[in-house]
């Protein structure tokens, strides 16, 4: 019973990867739209886009970490 619950928990934790993929797509899409509207701010917007990408990618790294913790550490 506990093993099944651990598998369900680990699977639920990896669902966050889909959300992170959508977040990265939104960051890059917004960056492209912003540069298209105002090309003179391209350098400044690139820095913000990289920051948004990094923060979204951090969430994507926490999701598998939690899945591994649920699967192998918690007993």
N, C-alpha and C. Protein backbone atom coordinates (compact mmCIF):
# COMPACT_ATOMS: atom_id res chain seq x y z
N UNK A 1 0.82 -1.19 0.00
CA UNK A 1 0.00 0.00 0.00
C UNK A 1 0.87 1.26 0.00
N UNK A 2 1.92 1.26 0.81
CA UNK A 2 2.79 2.41 0.89
C UNK A 2 3.57 2.62 -0.41
N UNK A 3 3.99 1.53 -1.04
CA UNK A 3 4.72 1.65 -2.30
C UNK A 3 3.85 2.26 -3.39
N UNK A 4 2.59 1.88 -3.42
CA UNK A 4 1.68 2.46 -4.41
C UNK A 4 1.47 3.95 -4.17
N UNK A 5 1.34 4.34 -2.92
CA UNK A 5 1.17 5.76 -2.59
C UNK A 5 2.42 6.55 -2.94
N UNK A 6 3.61 5.95 -2.74
CA UNK A 6 4.85 6.62 -3.11
C UNK A 6 4.92 6.81 -4.62
N UNK A 7 4.49 5.82 -5.39
CA UNK A 7 4.52 5.94 -6.85
C UNK A 7 3.56 7.03 -7.32
N UNK A 8 2.39 7.08 -6.72
CA UNK A 8 1.43 8.12 -7.09
C UNK A 8 1.97 9.50 -6.73
N UNK A 9 2.58 9.63 -5.57
CA UNK A 9 3.16 10.91 -5.16
C UNK A 9 4.29 11.34 -6.07
N UNK A 10 5.16 10.41 -6.44
CA UNK A 10 6.27 10.74 -7.34
C UNK A 10 5.74 11.13 -8.72
N UNK A 11 4.72 10.45 -9.19
CA UNK A 11 4.13 10.81 -10.48
C UNK A 11 3.48 12.17 -10.44
N UNK A 12 2.81 12.48 -9.34
CA UNK A 12 2.18 13.79 -9.20
C UNK A 12 3.23 14.90 -9.12
N UNK A 13 4.38 14.60 -8.54
CA UNK A 13 5.44 15.61 -8.45
C UNK A 13 6.03 15.92 -9.82
N UNK A 14 6.05 14.96 -10.71
CA UNK A 14 6.63 15.19 -12.03
C UNK A 14 5.67 15.93 -12.96
N UNK A 15 4.41 16.08 -12.57
CA UNK A 15 3.47 16.85 -13.39
C UNK A 15 3.92 18.31 -13.46
N UNK A 16 4.67 18.76 -12.48
CA UNK A 16 5.16 20.13 -12.48
C UNK A 16 6.07 20.41 -13.67
N UNK A 17 6.65 19.37 -14.27
CA UNK A 17 7.50 19.58 -15.44
C UNK A 17 6.71 20.14 -16.61
N UNK A 18 5.46 19.72 -16.76
CA UNK A 18 4.62 20.27 -17.82
C UNK A 18 4.36 21.75 -17.58
N UNK A 19 4.12 22.12 -16.34
CA UNK A 19 3.92 23.53 -16.02
C UNK A 19 5.16 24.36 -16.27
N UNK A 20 6.32 23.79 -15.99
CA UNK A 20 7.57 24.51 -16.25
C UNK A 20 7.79 24.70 -17.74
N UNK A 21 7.43 23.72 -18.54
CA UNK A 21 7.56 23.85 -19.99
C UNK A 21 6.65 24.95 -20.52
N UNK A 22 5.44 25.02 -20.00
CA UNK A 22 4.52 26.08 -20.40
C UNK A 22 5.05 27.44 -19.95
N UNK A 23 5.63 27.50 -18.76
CA UNK A 23 6.20 28.76 -18.26
C UNK A 23 7.36 29.25 -19.11
N UNK A 24 8.23 28.35 -19.53
CA UNK A 24 9.36 28.73 -20.38
C UNK A 24 8.85 29.22 -21.72
N UNK A 25 7.84 28.56 -22.25
CA UNK A 25 7.24 29.01 -23.51
C UNK A 25 6.64 30.40 -23.38
N UNK A 26 5.98 30.67 -22.26
CA UNK A 26 5.41 32.01 -22.04
C UNK A 26 6.49 33.07 -21.92
N UNK A 27 7.57 32.76 -21.23
CA UNK A 27 8.66 33.73 -21.08
C UNK A 27 9.26 34.08 -22.44
N UNK A 28 9.55 33.07 -23.23
CA UNK A 28 10.18 33.34 -24.53
C UNK A 28 9.19 34.01 -25.49
N UNK A 29 7.93 33.62 -25.44
CA UNK A 29 6.92 34.25 -26.29
C UNK A 29 6.76 35.72 -25.94
N UNK A 30 6.70 36.02 -24.66
CA UNK A 30 6.57 37.42 -24.23
C UNK A 30 7.80 38.23 -24.61
N UNK A 31 8.96 37.60 -24.55
CA UNK A 31 10.19 38.29 -24.95
C UNK A 31 10.17 38.64 -26.44
N UNK A 32 9.74 37.70 -27.26
CA UNK A 32 9.67 37.95 -28.71
C UNK A 32 8.67 39.06 -29.01
N UNK A 33 7.51 39.01 -28.35
CA UNK A 33 6.51 40.06 -28.58
C UNK A 33 7.02 41.42 -28.12
N UNK A 34 7.73 41.48 -27.01
CA UNK A 34 8.24 42.75 -26.50
C UNK A 34 9.28 43.35 -27.42
N UNK A 35 10.17 42.51 -27.93
CA UNK A 35 11.20 43.02 -28.85
C UNK A 35 10.57 43.46 -30.16
N UNK A 36 9.52 42.76 -30.59
CA UNK A 36 8.85 43.17 -31.82
C UNK A 36 8.16 44.52 -31.65
N UNK A 37 7.66 44.80 -30.46
CA UNK A 37 6.99 46.08 -30.21
C UNK A 37 7.97 47.22 -30.02
N UNK A 38 9.11 46.95 -29.38
CA UNK A 38 10.08 48.00 -29.10
C UNK A 38 11.50 47.45 -29.25
N UNK A 39 12.03 47.45 -30.46
CA UNK A 39 13.36 46.85 -30.69
C UNK A 39 14.50 47.55 -29.95
N UNK A 40 14.32 48.81 -29.58
CA UNK A 40 15.42 49.52 -28.91
C UNK A 40 15.67 49.00 -27.50
N UNK A 41 14.74 48.28 -26.92
CA UNK A 41 14.92 47.71 -25.57
C UNK A 41 15.34 46.24 -25.59
N UNK A 42 15.84 45.78 -26.72
CA UNK A 42 16.15 44.35 -26.87
C UNK A 42 17.17 43.86 -25.84
N UNK A 43 18.22 44.64 -25.58
CA UNK A 43 19.24 44.20 -24.62
C UNK A 43 18.68 44.09 -23.21
N UNK A 44 17.91 45.07 -22.79
CA UNK A 44 17.33 45.05 -21.45
C UNK A 44 16.31 43.91 -21.32
N UNK A 45 15.51 43.72 -22.34
CA UNK A 45 14.50 42.65 -22.30
C UNK A 45 15.14 41.27 -22.31
N UNK A 46 16.29 41.16 -22.97
CA UNK A 46 16.99 39.87 -22.98
C UNK A 46 17.41 39.46 -21.57
N UNK A 47 17.88 40.41 -20.79
CA UNK A 47 18.26 40.12 -19.40
C UNK A 47 17.07 39.66 -18.57
N UNK A 48 15.93 40.32 -18.76
CA UNK A 48 14.72 39.90 -18.05
C UNK A 48 14.24 38.53 -18.51
N UNK A 49 14.39 38.26 -19.80
CA UNK A 49 13.97 36.95 -20.32
C UNK A 49 14.84 35.83 -19.74
N UNK A 50 16.14 36.08 -19.64
CA UNK A 50 17.04 35.07 -19.06
C UNK A 50 16.71 34.85 -17.59
N UNK A 51 16.40 35.92 -16.86
CA UNK A 51 16.03 35.78 -15.46
C UNK A 51 14.74 34.97 -15.32
N UNK A 52 13.75 35.27 -16.14
CA UNK A 52 12.50 34.51 -16.10
C UNK A 52 12.71 33.05 -16.47
N UNK A 53 13.57 32.82 -17.47
CA UNK A 53 13.87 31.44 -17.86
C UNK A 53 14.55 30.69 -16.72
N UNK A 54 15.50 31.35 -16.05
CA UNK A 54 16.23 30.69 -14.96
C UNK A 54 15.31 30.35 -13.80
N UNK A 55 14.42 31.27 -13.44
CA UNK A 55 13.51 31.00 -12.33
C UNK A 55 12.52 29.88 -12.67
N UNK A 56 12.05 29.87 -13.91
CA UNK A 56 11.13 28.81 -14.33
C UNK A 56 11.86 27.47 -14.40
N UNK A 57 13.09 27.49 -14.84
CA UNK A 57 13.87 26.25 -14.92
C UNK A 57 14.18 25.72 -13.52
N UNK A 58 14.31 26.60 -12.54
CA UNK A 58 14.54 26.14 -11.17
C UNK A 58 13.37 25.31 -10.68
N UNK A 59 12.16 25.72 -11.02
CA UNK A 59 10.97 24.93 -10.66
C UNK A 59 11.04 23.57 -11.34
N UNK A 60 11.49 23.56 -12.59
CA UNK A 60 11.60 22.30 -13.32
C UNK A 60 12.63 21.37 -12.69
N UNK A 61 13.62 21.92 -12.02
CA UNK A 61 14.61 21.07 -11.35
C UNK A 61 14.13 20.59 -9.98
N UNK A 62 13.28 21.38 -9.33
CA UNK A 62 12.75 20.96 -8.03
C UNK A 62 11.76 19.81 -8.16
N UNK A 63 11.04 19.73 -9.27
CA UNK A 63 10.02 18.69 -9.44
C UNK A 63 10.63 17.28 -9.45
N UNK A 64 11.65 17.00 -10.28
CA UNK A 64 12.23 15.64 -10.21
C UNK A 64 12.95 15.38 -8.89
N UNK A 65 13.51 16.44 -8.28
CA UNK A 65 14.14 16.26 -6.98
C UNK A 65 13.12 15.76 -5.96
N UNK A 66 11.94 16.36 -5.95
CA UNK A 66 10.90 15.91 -5.03
C UNK A 66 10.44 14.49 -5.37
N UNK A 67 10.35 14.18 -6.66
CA UNK A 67 9.95 12.83 -7.05
C UNK A 67 10.97 11.80 -6.56
N UNK A 68 12.26 12.12 -6.67
CA UNK A 68 13.28 11.19 -6.19
C UNK A 68 13.26 11.08 -4.66
N UNK A 69 13.03 12.20 -4.00
CA UNK A 69 12.94 12.15 -2.54
C UNK A 69 11.77 11.28 -2.09
N UNK A 70 10.63 11.46 -2.75
CA UNK A 70 9.46 10.64 -2.40
C UNK A 70 9.73 9.17 -2.66
N UNK A 71 10.39 8.89 -3.79
CA UNK A 71 10.60 7.49 -4.18
C UNK A 71 11.65 6.78 -3.35
N UNK A 72 12.77 7.46 -3.06
CA UNK A 72 13.90 6.73 -2.48
C UNK A 72 14.25 7.10 -1.04
N UNK A 73 13.87 8.26 -0.57
CA UNK A 73 14.30 8.68 0.76
C UNK A 73 13.25 8.40 1.80
N UNK A 74 12.00 8.82 1.53
CA UNK A 74 10.95 8.64 2.51
C UNK A 74 10.55 7.17 2.59
N UNK A 75 10.54 6.63 3.79
CA UNK A 75 10.19 5.22 3.96
C UNK A 75 9.03 5.09 4.91
